[in-house]
Structure formats: structure tokens, C-alpha cells
Amino acid sequence: MSGLPWVAFPVQVQEALLDSIGTVLAPGGVFTTFGYAWVRGSSPARRFRRLLGRRFEEVVAGRTVIANVPPAFVYHARRPRHESALREGDSVDRQGVAAPGVYP
């Protein structure tokens, strides 16, 4: 479970960290991180969600836990993509699937 402040990092730091995580994640492993609901719709948070979709084949957002202070949610990311699947200019659709050359 990662509690890194992803939305506070520049995109280059996010990419480097996710590349490292994908490299060391065990086969069948799941990368789980949490974020706070109050920033979920912000531009940096949306950018991070798209980046997760480019780095992992499956990304599932858990429900928001309102009882948590502050309210939070988790992302579960599975099956890191291989370097060959990470092409410059690729984007991600609403389900987190890479869409070559499509910009959101």
C-alpha cells in the first residue's frame, strides 16, 4: 500500500516511480495506492489516473471511504505493461485502456 503524495509530484517523478514499481512487482502482484477524495477531480489527480492506465493493464478505483478523515479511496493496479506497450503519445480511455495517439 503506497501513501505517496502522487498529485504533488511532477509527472517525471510519477513516471520514474511507476516504472520502478512495475519492474519489481511480482507476477500476479497488485500495486495499491490511496488518494484523498477532495483532490480526485483535480488536474494532477486526473493526470495520475491516466498515467496508471498507461503503466498497468488494469486499474480499479475502490469506493470512497467517507468515514476516513479525510475521505479517501484506493487504486488497485494489476499487470504492468511492458516497455514496448508504452509508446510516446498514447493516451488512456475512461477504462484505463491505452488508446494510441488519442488525447483526452
Protein backbone atom coordinates (compact mmCIF):
# COMPACT_ATOMS: atom_id res chain seq x y z
CA MET A 1 0.00 0.00 0.00
CA SER A 2 1.50 3.27 -1.11
CA GLY A 3 0.72 6.54 0.62
CA LEU A 4 2.96 8.69 -1.55
CA PRO A 5 1.50 12.12 -2.37
CA TRP A 6 1.26 11.34 -6.10
CA VAL A 7 -0.56 14.54 -7.10
CA ALA A 8 2.20 16.66 -5.53
CA PHE A 9 4.92 15.07 -7.71
CA PRO A 10 5.89 16.31 -11.17
CA VAL A 11 4.92 13.90 -13.94
CA GLN A 12 8.56 12.87 -14.46
CA VAL A 13 8.79 11.69 -10.83
CA GLN A 14 5.47 9.85 -11.11
CA GLU A 15 6.66 8.08 -14.27
CA ALA A 16 10.01 7.09 -12.76
CA LEU A 17 8.38 5.72 -9.61
CA LEU A 18 5.72 3.77 -11.52
CA ASP A 19 8.37 2.34 -13.85
CA SER A 20 10.32 1.11 -10.82
CA ILE A 21 7.19 -0.32 -9.20
CA GLY A 22 6.28 -2.16 -12.41
CA THR A 23 9.77 -3.62 -12.59
CA VAL A 24 9.78 -5.03 -9.05
CA LEU A 25 6.12 -6.06 -8.77
CA ALA A 26 5.84 -9.85 -8.50
CA PRO A 27 3.94 -11.71 -11.23
CA GLY A 28 0.29 -11.56 -10.22
CA GLY A 29 1.09 -8.76 -7.79
CA VAL A 30 -1.08 -5.72 -7.25
CA PHE A 31 0.10 -2.17 -6.75
CA THR A 32 -2.27 -0.38 -4.37
CA THR A 33 -2.18 3.32 -3.57
CA PHE A 34 -4.62 5.70 -1.98
CA GLY A 35 -5.65 9.26 -2.61
CA TYR A 36 -7.95 11.77 -0.99
CA ALA A 37 -11.42 12.32 -2.37
CA TRP A 38 -11.23 16.11 -2.20
CA VAL A 39 -8.46 16.21 -4.86
CA ARG A 40 -9.74 13.34 -7.05
CA GLY A 41 -11.15 15.69 -9.70
CA SER A 42 -8.13 17.97 -9.84
CA SER A 43 -5.98 18.14 -12.96
CA PRO A 44 -2.92 16.48 -11.29
CA ALA A 45 -5.11 13.65 -9.94
CA ARG A 46 -6.71 13.02 -13.34
CA ARG A 47 -3.25 13.05 -14.95
CA PHE A 48 -2.04 10.46 -12.40
CA ARG A 49 -5.05 8.23 -13.12
CA ARG A 50 -4.27 8.34 -16.86
CA LEU A 51 -0.64 7.54 -16.11
CA LEU A 52 -1.68 4.49 -14.07
CA GLY A 53 -3.68 3.32 -17.08
CA ARG A 54 -0.64 3.67 -19.32
CA ARG A 55 1.59 1.74 -16.91
CA PHE A 56 -0.85 -1.06 -15.93
CA GLU A 57 -3.28 -3.16 -17.94
CA GLU A 58 -5.98 -2.95 -15.26
CA VAL A 59 -6.69 -0.12 -12.84
CA VAL A 60 -9.66 -0.30 -10.48
CA ALA A 61 -10.70 2.57 -8.23
CA GLY A 62 -12.21 1.49 -4.94
CA ARG A 63 -15.12 3.22 -3.28
CA THR A 64 -14.57 6.40 -1.33
CA VAL A 65 -14.39 5.77 2.42
CA ILE A 66 -16.26 8.72 3.87
CA ALA A 67 -15.54 7.61 7.46
CA ASN A 68 -11.83 8.14 6.84
CA VAL A 69 -10.60 11.62 7.81
CA PRO A 70 -10.10 12.99 5.24
CA PRO A 71 -12.25 10.79 2.96
CA ALA A 72 -10.03 8.57 0.80
CA PHE A 73 -10.15 5.93 -1.93
CA VAL A 74 -7.72 3.37 -3.34
CA TYR A 75 -6.47 2.40 -6.78
CA HIS A 76 -5.62 -1.25 -7.42
CA ALA A 77 -3.30 -1.62 -10.44
CA ARG A 78 -2.53 -5.01 -11.96
CA ARG A 79 -0.31 -6.38 -14.73
CA PRO A 80 2.37 -3.80 -15.50
CA ARG A 81 2.68 -3.02 -19.19
CA HIS A 82 5.92 -3.90 -20.98
CA GLU A 83 8.12 -1.09 -22.29
CA SER A 84 7.09 -1.90 -25.86
CA ALA A 85 3.48 -1.10 -24.93
CA LEU A 86 4.43 2.34 -23.61
CA ARG A 87 4.67 4.48 -26.71
CA GLU A 88 5.02 8.24 -26.66
CA GLY A 89 1.74 9.97 -27.48
CA ASP A 90 -0.50 7.16 -26.22
CA SER A 91 -3.44 8.16 -24.13
CA VAL A 92 -5.93 6.28 -21.99
CA ASP A 93 -9.67 5.89 -22.33
CA ARG A 94 -12.14 6.01 -19.42
CA GLN A 95 -11.47 2.38 -18.51
CA GLY A 96 -7.72 2.90 -18.36
CA VAL A 97 -7.01 1.18 -21.68
CA ALA A 98 -4.25 2.64 -23.84
CA ALA A 99 -5.55 4.32 -26.97
CA PRO A 100 -2.67 5.10 -29.36
CA GLY A 101 -2.47 8.72 -30.39
CA VAL A 102 -5.78 9.76 -28.74
CA TYR A 103 -5.55 12.72 -26.39
CA PRO A 104 -8.17 13.22 -23.66
